[in-house]
């Protein structure tokens, strides 16, 4: 008889612990999504003359980072105007990350 009570209590403790773990998982806040840059325009793409124009709705100072397809950072600068000069980047496909006022966006950049 005592054995049955032991197993019953053991099962209740087990189910109670599963229930509390499930509630903790539900209550954890979701990862904050980074906001997007409003009115982002990147042109010309593909780039053939070594100049890229980046415009946004607010046209604030932007941090520009260009990565190759393996994820290696190959170029980084702060941009106050719309014109970005990239004459030393060899032809290929790149990922450009643009950050402005706590918002960021990534785009594919093709250099010819």
Protein backbone atom coordinates (compact mmCIF):
# COMPACT_ATOMS: atom_id res chain seq x y z
CA UNK A 1 0.00 0.00 0.00
CA UNK A 2 2.80 2.44 0.87
CA UNK A 3 4.42 1.49 -2.43
CA UNK A 4 1.35 2.72 -4.36
CA UNK A 5 1.40 6.07 -2.54
CA UNK A 6 5.09 6.44 -3.30
CA UNK A 7 4.55 5.88 -7.04
CA UNK A 8 1.53 8.19 -7.09
CA UNK A 9 3.47 10.98 -5.40
CA UNK A 10 6.40 10.36 -7.73
CA UNK A 11 4.13 10.69 -10.78
CA UNK A 12 2.52 13.88 -9.42
CA UNK A 13 5.93 15.46 -8.84
CA UNK A 14 7.01 14.46 -12.36
CA UNK A 15 3.90 15.97 -14.00
CA UNK A 16 4.14 19.11 -11.87
CA UNK A 17 7.77 19.66 -12.91
CA UNK A 18 6.89 19.22 -16.60
CA UNK A 19 4.04 21.72 -16.24
CA UNK A 20 6.24 24.39 -14.61
CA UNK A 21 8.94 23.93 -17.27
CA UNK A 22 6.35 24.40 -20.02
CA UNK A 23 5.10 27.60 -18.37
CA UNK A 24 8.65 28.98 -18.10
CA UNK A 25 9.21 28.37 -21.80
CA UNK A 26 5.98 30.20 -22.66
CA UNK A 27 6.90 33.21 -20.52
CA UNK A 28 10.35 33.79 -21.98
CA UNK A 29 10.37 36.87 -24.21
CA UNK A 30 11.03 36.37 -27.88
CA UNK A 31 14.24 37.67 -29.37
CA UNK A 32 13.89 41.30 -30.34
CA UNK A 33 13.78 41.68 -34.08
CA UNK A 34 15.96 44.40 -35.49
CA UNK A 35 14.01 47.14 -37.19
CA UNK A 36 14.36 47.67 -40.90
CA UNK A 37 15.61 50.81 -42.58
CA UNK A 38 12.72 52.75 -44.07
CA UNK A 39 12.99 53.68 -47.74
CA UNK A 40 16.30 51.89 -48.32
CA UNK A 41 17.39 52.08 -51.94
CA UNK A 42 20.66 50.59 -53.24
CA UNK A 43 21.57 51.31 -56.85
CA UNK A 44 23.00 50.50 -59.37
CA UNK A 45 23.15 46.82 -58.72
CA UNK A 46 25.16 45.26 -60.41
CA UNK A 47 27.92 47.85 -59.90
CA UNK A 48 30.22 48.44 -62.86
CA UNK A 49 31.88 51.83 -62.20
CA UNK A 50 32.97 51.38 -58.55
CA UNK A 51 30.24 53.66 -57.17
CA UNK A 52 27.12 52.61 -55.30
CA UNK A 53 24.39 55.00 -54.20
CA UNK A 54 22.59 54.26 -50.94
CA UNK A 55 19.59 56.35 -50.00
CA UNK A 56 17.11 56.06 -47.15
CA UNK A 57 14.07 57.97 -45.96
CA UNK A 58 16.02 59.81 -43.25
CA UNK A 59 19.45 59.94 -44.96
CA UNK A 60 21.33 59.77 -41.66
CA UNK A 61 24.92 58.60 -41.16
CA UNK A 62 25.22 54.92 -42.09
CA UNK A 63 27.72 52.21 -41.25
CA UNK A 64 28.49 50.10 -44.30
CA UNK A 65 30.09 46.65 -44.07
CA UNK A 66 30.69 44.46 -47.12
CA UNK A 67 31.28 40.72 -46.72
CA UNK A 68 32.27 38.11 -49.28
CA UNK A 69 30.13 34.99 -49.59
CA UNK A 70 32.28 33.16 -47.05
CA UNK A 71 31.46 35.80 -44.43
CA UNK A 72 34.85 37.51 -44.42
CA UNK A 73 34.63 41.28 -43.89
CA UNK A 74 36.35 42.97 -46.84
CA UNK A 75 35.22 46.59 -46.49
CA UNK A 76 33.88 48.82 -43.68
CA UNK A 77 33.19 52.53 -43.54
CA UNK A 78 30.88 55.23 -42.23
CA UNK A 79 28.87 57.01 -44.92
CA UNK A 80 27.53 60.56 -44.55
CA UNK A 81 26.41 61.03 -48.15
CA UNK A 82 24.64 58.78 -50.63
CA UNK A 83 27.69 57.87 -52.72
CA UNK A 84 29.87 54.91 -51.72
CA UNK A 85 33.14 54.38 -53.60
CA UNK A 86 34.29 50.76 -53.86
CA UNK A 87 36.96 50.83 -56.60
CA UNK A 88 39.24 48.15 -55.07
CA UNK A 89 36.64 45.40 -54.76
CA UNK A 90 37.13 42.67 -57.33
CA UNK A 91 34.19 41.45 -59.43
CA UNK A 92 31.89 39.00 -57.69
CA UNK A 93 28.89 38.62 -55.42
CA UNK A 94 28.94 40.19 -51.96
CA UNK A 95 26.68 40.84 -48.98
CA UNK A 96 26.34 44.48 -47.91
CA UNK A 97 25.12 45.33 -44.40
CA UNK A 98 23.78 48.83 -43.88
CA UNK A 99 23.16 50.15 -40.35
CA UNK A 100 21.43 53.44 -39.66
CA UNK A 101 20.04 54.72 -36.35
CA UNK A 102 19.70 51.30 -34.60
CA UNK A 103 18.17 49.73 -37.71
CA UNK A 104 19.97 47.46 -40.14
CA UNK A 105 19.44 45.73 -43.47
CA UNK A 106 21.42 43.34 -45.62
CA UNK A 107 21.36 43.11 -49.39
CA UNK A 108 23.14 41.21 -52.12
CA UNK A 109 25.66 43.33 -54.02
CA UNK A 110 27.02 42.31 -57.41
CA UNK A 111 30.25 43.92 -58.65
CA UNK A 112 31.20 43.60 -62.31
